[in-house]
Amino acid sequence: MAGKVKPRVKVPKKAAAGEVITIKTLISHDMESGQRKDKEGNLIPRQIINRFTAAFNGEEVIAVDLEPAVSSNPYFEFSMTVPESGTISFTWVDDDGSVYEDEKKITVG
């Protein structure tokens, strides 16, 4: 799975202090529920992104726990207030222990 997984993040590069911005994230992932069977009739093991978090300058902004009913390629859109210039860090955690990360800088001016 690791070769196919690709996080994508869209964050404005600049904002005014106190401005509310919209952040969009998408991660390419098949999200196998663990309920389907392969052609031999064996259950395909569950493998989903089970946690998504975003932090601004180290302070958590959003945390989401995911369940098998979430579709493949989970998309999140959320808003946050930008108090100062900094870095927004994004983390997705997979059932197999894989962690996918991305970060974007935003300048307040």
N, C-alpha and C. Protein backbone atom coordinates (compact mmCIF):
# COMPACT_ATOMS: atom_id res chain seq x y z
N MET A 1 0.82 -1.20 0.00
CA MET A 1 0.00 0.00 0.00
C MET A 1 0.86 1.25 0.00
N ALA A 2 1.99 1.21 0.66
CA ALA A 2 2.77 2.42 0.89
C ALA A 2 3.13 3.14 -0.40
N GLY A 3 3.36 2.41 -1.49
CA GLY A 3 3.74 3.05 -2.75
C GLY A 3 2.60 3.85 -3.37
N LYS A 4 1.36 3.50 -3.09
CA LYS A 4 0.20 4.16 -3.68
C LYS A 4 -0.29 5.35 -2.87
N VAL A 5 0.07 5.44 -1.63
CA VAL A 5 -0.48 6.46 -0.74
C VAL A 5 0.19 7.79 -1.00
N LYS A 6 -0.65 8.82 -1.26
CA LYS A 6 -0.10 10.14 -1.54
C LYS A 6 -0.99 11.21 -0.91
N PRO A 7 -0.45 11.92 0.10
CA PRO A 7 -1.23 13.02 0.68
C PRO A 7 -1.12 14.28 -0.18
N ARG A 8 -2.22 15.02 -0.25
CA ARG A 8 -2.25 16.31 -0.95
C ARG A 8 -2.90 17.32 -0.03
N VAL A 9 -2.31 18.50 0.03
CA VAL A 9 -2.80 19.53 0.94
C VAL A 9 -2.82 20.87 0.22
N LYS A 10 -3.90 21.62 0.44
CA LYS A 10 -4.01 22.97 -0.14
C LYS A 10 -4.23 23.96 1.00
N VAL A 11 -3.23 24.85 1.19
CA VAL A 11 -3.26 25.87 2.23
C VAL A 11 -2.86 27.19 1.58
N PRO A 12 -3.55 28.29 1.88
CA PRO A 12 -3.11 29.58 1.34
C PRO A 12 -1.67 29.89 1.80
N LYS A 13 -0.88 30.51 0.94
CA LYS A 13 0.50 30.84 1.31
C LYS A 13 0.57 32.06 2.21
N LYS A 14 -0.42 32.95 2.09
CA LYS A 14 -0.44 34.17 2.89
C LYS A 14 -1.83 34.39 3.48
N ALA A 15 -1.86 35.06 4.63
CA ALA A 15 -3.13 35.42 5.27
C ALA A 15 -2.88 36.62 6.16
N ALA A 16 -3.93 37.30 6.55
CA ALA A 16 -3.85 38.39 7.52
C ALA A 16 -3.97 37.80 8.92
N ALA A 17 -3.37 38.47 9.90
CA ALA A 17 -3.47 38.01 11.29
C ALA A 17 -4.94 37.95 11.69
N GLY A 18 -5.37 36.82 12.25
CA GLY A 18 -6.75 36.65 12.67
C GLY A 18 -7.70 36.21 11.57
N GLU A 19 -7.21 36.07 10.36
CA GLU A 19 -8.05 35.65 9.24
C GLU A 19 -8.42 34.18 9.37
N VAL A 20 -9.63 33.85 8.97
CA VAL A 20 -10.08 32.46 8.92
C VAL A 20 -9.76 31.92 7.53
N ILE A 21 -8.98 30.86 7.47
CA ILE A 21 -8.61 30.26 6.18
C ILE A 21 -9.25 28.88 6.06
N THR A 22 -9.37 28.41 4.83
CA THR A 22 -9.89 27.07 4.55
C THR A 22 -8.73 26.19 4.11
N ILE A 23 -8.66 25.02 4.70
CA ILE A 23 -7.61 24.05 4.39
C ILE A 23 -8.29 22.82 3.80
N LYS A 24 -7.72 22.31 2.72
CA LYS A 24 -8.26 21.13 2.06
C LYS A 24 -7.18 20.05 2.01
N THR A 25 -7.56 18.82 2.39
CA THR A 25 -6.62 17.70 2.34
C THR A 25 -7.28 16.50 1.67
N LEU A 26 -6.46 15.74 0.98
CA LEU A 26 -6.91 14.50 0.36
C LEU A 26 -5.74 13.54 0.42
N ILE A 27 -6.01 12.30 0.76
CA ILE A 27 -4.94 11.30 0.72
C ILE A 27 -5.41 10.13 -0.14
N SER A 28 -4.59 9.77 -1.12
CA SER A 28 -4.91 8.64 -2.00
C SER A 28 -4.65 7.35 -1.22
N HIS A 29 -5.72 6.62 -0.95
CA HIS A 29 -5.62 5.39 -0.16
C HIS A 29 -6.85 4.54 -0.45
N ASP A 30 -6.66 3.23 -0.65
CA ASP A 30 -7.77 2.34 -1.02
C ASP A 30 -8.78 2.10 0.08
N MET A 31 -8.38 2.23 1.35
CA MET A 31 -9.28 2.06 2.49
C MET A 31 -10.02 0.72 2.44
N GLU A 32 -9.29 -0.36 2.63
CA GLU A 32 -9.88 -1.70 2.63
C GLU A 32 -10.58 -1.94 3.98
N SER A 33 -11.88 -2.24 3.94
CA SER A 33 -12.72 -2.34 5.15
C SER A 33 -12.49 -3.60 5.98
N GLY A 34 -11.92 -4.63 5.39
CA GLY A 34 -11.75 -5.90 6.10
C GLY A 34 -12.96 -6.80 5.99
N GLN A 35 -13.95 -6.40 5.20
CA GLN A 35 -15.18 -7.19 5.05
C GLN A 35 -15.31 -7.84 3.68
N ARG A 36 -14.45 -7.45 2.75
CA ARG A 36 -14.50 -8.05 1.42
C ARG A 36 -13.64 -9.30 1.37
N LYS A 37 -13.91 -10.15 0.37
CA LYS A 37 -13.14 -11.38 0.19
C LYS A 37 -12.40 -11.32 -1.14
N ASP A 38 -11.24 -12.01 -1.19
CA ASP A 38 -10.49 -12.10 -2.44
C ASP A 38 -11.10 -13.20 -3.31
N LYS A 39 -10.50 -13.47 -4.46
CA LYS A 39 -11.10 -14.46 -5.38
C LYS A 39 -11.06 -15.88 -4.84
N GLU A 40 -10.23 -16.15 -3.82
CA GLU A 40 -10.20 -17.48 -3.18
C GLU A 40 -11.17 -17.56 -2.01
N GLY A 41 -11.86 -16.48 -1.70
CA GLY A 41 -12.83 -16.48 -0.62
C GLY A 41 -12.27 -16.09 0.74
N ASN A 42 -11.02 -15.68 0.78
CA ASN A 42 -10.40 -15.26 2.04
C ASN A 42 -10.68 -13.78 2.29
N LEU A 43 -10.90 -13.45 3.56
CA LEU A 43 -11.11 -12.05 3.91
C LEU A 43 -9.85 -11.24 3.61
N ILE A 44 -10.05 -10.09 2.99
CA ILE A 44 -8.94 -9.16 2.76
C ILE A 44 -8.77 -8.37 4.05
N PRO A 45 -7.58 -8.35 4.62
CA PRO A 45 -7.40 -7.66 5.90
C PRO A 45 -7.75 -6.17 5.83
N ARG A 46 -8.28 -5.67 6.93
CA ARG A 46 -8.61 -4.25 7.03
C ARG A 46 -7.32 -3.44 6.94
N GLN A 47 -7.37 -2.39 6.15
CA GLN A 47 -6.26 -1.44 6.08
C GLN A 47 -6.84 -0.08 5.72
N ILE A 48 -7.03 0.74 6.75
CA ILE A 48 -7.61 2.06 6.54
C ILE A 48 -6.73 3.11 7.21
N ILE A 49 -6.88 4.34 6.75
CA ILE A 49 -6.34 5.47 7.48
C ILE A 49 -7.26 5.59 8.69
N ASN A 50 -6.72 5.42 9.90
CA ASN A 50 -7.59 5.41 11.08
C ASN A 50 -7.52 6.69 11.89
N ARG A 51 -6.57 7.58 11.54
CA ARG A 51 -6.46 8.85 12.29
C ARG A 51 -5.87 9.92 11.39
N PHE A 52 -6.45 11.11 11.49
CA PHE A 52 -5.94 12.30 10.79
C PHE A 52 -5.83 13.42 11.79
N THR A 53 -4.70 14.11 11.79
CA THR A 53 -4.53 15.27 12.66
C THR A 53 -3.85 16.40 11.89
N ALA A 54 -4.11 17.61 12.34
CA ALA A 54 -3.42 18.79 11.82
C ALA A 54 -3.04 19.66 13.01
N ALA A 55 -1.84 20.22 12.96
CA ALA A 55 -1.35 21.07 14.04
C ALA A 55 -0.73 22.33 13.45
N PHE A 56 -0.94 23.45 14.12
CA PHE A 56 -0.34 24.72 13.72
C PHE A 56 0.71 25.09 14.74
N ASN A 57 1.97 25.20 14.27
CA ASN A 57 3.10 25.49 15.16
C ASN A 57 3.11 24.57 16.39
N GLY A 58 2.80 23.29 16.16
CA GLY A 58 2.84 22.30 17.23
C GLY A 58 1.57 22.17 18.06
N GLU A 59 0.60 23.05 17.85
CA GLU A 59 -0.66 22.98 18.61
C GLU A 59 -1.75 22.35 17.75
N GLU A 60 -2.33 21.26 18.25
CA GLU A 60 -3.35 20.54 17.49
C GLU A 60 -4.55 21.42 17.16
N VAL A 61 -4.94 21.38 15.89
CA VAL A 61 -6.08 22.16 15.40
C VAL A 61 -7.29 21.26 15.19
N ILE A 62 -7.03 20.05 14.68
CA ILE A 62 -8.11 19.10 14.41
C ILE A 62 -7.56 17.68 14.56
N ALA A 63 -8.42 16.79 15.05
CA ALA A 63 -8.08 15.37 15.16
C ALA A 63 -9.32 14.57 14.81
N VAL A 64 -9.17 13.60 13.91
CA VAL A 64 -10.30 12.81 13.44
C VAL A 64 -9.94 11.33 13.51
N ASP A 65 -10.81 10.53 14.15
CA ASP A 65 -10.66 9.08 14.15
C ASP A 65 -11.58 8.54 13.07
N LEU A 66 -11.04 7.69 12.20
CA LEU A 66 -11.79 7.17 11.06
C LEU A 66 -12.17 5.71 11.29
N GLU A 67 -13.26 5.30 10.69
CA GLU A 67 -13.78 3.94 10.78
C GLU A 67 -13.84 3.35 9.37
N PRO A 68 -14.04 2.02 9.24
CA PRO A 68 -14.04 1.38 7.93
C PRO A 68 -15.07 1.91 6.94
N ALA A 69 -16.12 2.55 7.39
CA ALA A 69 -17.15 3.05 6.48
C ALA A 69 -16.71 4.27 5.67
N VAL A 70 -15.57 4.85 6.00
CA VAL A 70 -15.07 6.01 5.26
C VAL A 70 -14.63 5.55 3.88
N SER A 71 -14.97 6.33 2.86
CA SER A 71 -14.63 5.94 1.49
C SER A 71 -13.13 6.01 1.24
N SER A 72 -12.71 5.40 0.16
CA SER A 72 -11.31 5.49 -0.22
C SER A 72 -10.98 6.95 -0.55
N ASN A 73 -9.71 7.27 -0.47
CA ASN A 73 -9.21 8.62 -0.74
C ASN A 73 -9.90 9.67 0.14
N PRO A 74 -9.81 9.54 1.46
CA PRO A 74 -10.53 10.46 2.34
C PRO A 74 -10.11 11.92 2.15
N TYR A 75 -11.13 12.77 2.09
CA TYR A 75 -10.97 14.22 1.87
C TYR A 75 -11.47 14.94 3.12
N PHE A 76 -10.68 15.88 3.59
CA PHE A 76 -11.08 16.72 4.72
C PHE A 76 -10.93 18.17 4.33
N GLU A 77 -11.93 18.96 4.70
CA GLU A 77 -11.87 20.41 4.53
C GLU A 77 -12.26 21.02 5.86
N PHE A 78 -11.44 21.94 6.35
CA PHE A 78 -11.74 22.59 7.63
C PHE A 78 -11.21 24.01 7.61
N SER A 79 -11.71 24.81 8.52
CA SER A 79 -11.29 26.21 8.65
C SER A 79 -10.53 26.39 9.94
N MET A 80 -9.63 27.36 9.94
CA MET A 80 -8.90 27.72 11.15
C MET A 80 -8.52 29.18 11.09
N THR A 81 -8.34 29.76 12.26
CA THR A 81 -7.90 31.14 12.36
C THR A 81 -6.38 31.15 12.43
N VAL A 82 -5.77 32.03 11.65
CA VAL A 82 -4.31 32.12 11.61
C VAL A 82 -3.85 33.30 12.47
N PRO A 83 -3.25 33.03 13.63
CA PRO A 83 -2.82 34.12 14.50
C PRO A 83 -1.48 34.74 14.11
N GLU A 84 -0.62 33.92 13.46
CA GLU A 84 0.74 34.35 13.15
C GLU A 84 1.29 33.48 12.03
N SER A 85 2.46 33.85 11.51
CA SER A 85 3.12 33.01 10.51
C SER A 85 3.52 31.70 11.17
N GLY A 86 3.53 30.65 10.38
CA GLY A 86 3.93 29.36 10.96
C GLY A 86 3.78 28.21 9.99
N THR A 87 3.82 27.02 10.56
CA THR A 87 3.75 25.78 9.79
C THR A 87 2.56 24.96 10.25
N ILE A 88 1.81 24.46 9.27
CA ILE A 88 0.71 23.56 9.56
C ILE A 88 1.18 22.16 9.18
N SER A 89 1.18 21.27 10.17
CA SER A 89 1.63 19.88 9.97
C SER A 89 0.42 18.96 9.91
N PHE A 90 0.46 18.04 8.97
CA PHE A 90 -0.64 17.10 8.75
C PHE A 90 -0.11 15.68 8.92
N THR A 91 -0.89 14.83 9.59
CA THR A 91 -0.48 13.44 9.82
C THR A 91 -1.67 12.51 9.58
N TRP A 92 -1.42 11.46 8.81
CA TRP A 92 -2.39 10.41 8.58
C TRP A 92 -1.76 9.11 9.09
N VAL A 93 -2.49 8.31 9.87
CA VAL A 93 -1.97 7.06 10.41
C VAL A 93 -2.77 5.90 9.84
N ASP A 94 -2.07 4.89 9.34
CA ASP A 94 -2.66 3.72 8.72
C ASP A 94 -2.73 2.58 9.72
N ASP A 95 -3.66 1.64 9.52
CA ASP A 95 -3.79 0.46 10.39
C ASP A 95 -2.48 -0.31 10.51
N ASP A 96 -1.68 -0.35 9.44
CA ASP A 96 -0.45 -1.13 9.48
C ASP A 96 0.69 -0.40 10.18
N GLY A 97 0.40 0.76 10.75
CA GLY A 97 1.41 1.52 11.47
C GLY A 97 2.11 2.58 10.63
N SER A 98 1.84 2.58 9.33
CA SER A 98 2.45 3.59 8.46
C SER A 98 1.93 4.97 8.84
N VAL A 99 2.81 5.94 8.77
CA VAL A 99 2.45 7.33 9.05
C VAL A 99 2.82 8.16 7.83
N TYR A 100 1.87 8.94 7.36
CA TYR A 100 2.09 9.81 6.21
C TYR A 100 1.99 11.24 6.69
N GLU A 101 2.96 12.05 6.30
CA GLU A 101 3.01 13.41 6.80
C GLU A 101 3.22 14.41 5.68
N ASP A 102 2.75 15.61 5.92
CA ASP A 102 2.99 16.73 5.02
C ASP A 102 2.95 17.98 5.88
N GLU A 103 3.54 19.04 5.40
CA GLU A 103 3.45 20.31 6.11
C GLU A 103 3.51 21.45 5.11
N LYS A 104 2.84 22.53 5.48
CA LYS A 104 2.79 23.72 4.65
C LYS A 104 3.04 24.95 5.52
N LYS A 105 3.76 25.89 4.96
CA LYS A 105 4.03 27.14 5.68
C LYS A 105 3.01 28.18 5.25
N ILE A 106 2.66 29.05 6.18
CA ILE A 106 1.76 30.17 5.88
C ILE A 106 2.38 31.43 6.49
N THR A 107 2.36 32.51 5.71
CA THR A 107 2.93 33.77 6.15
C THR A 107 1.83 34.76 6.46
N VAL A 108 1.90 35.35 7.63
CA VAL A 108 0.94 36.38 8.02
C VAL A 108 1.61 37.73 7.78
N GLY A 109 0.90 38.57 7.06
CA GLY A 109 1.51 39.86 6.76
C GLY A 109 0.50 40.88 6.31
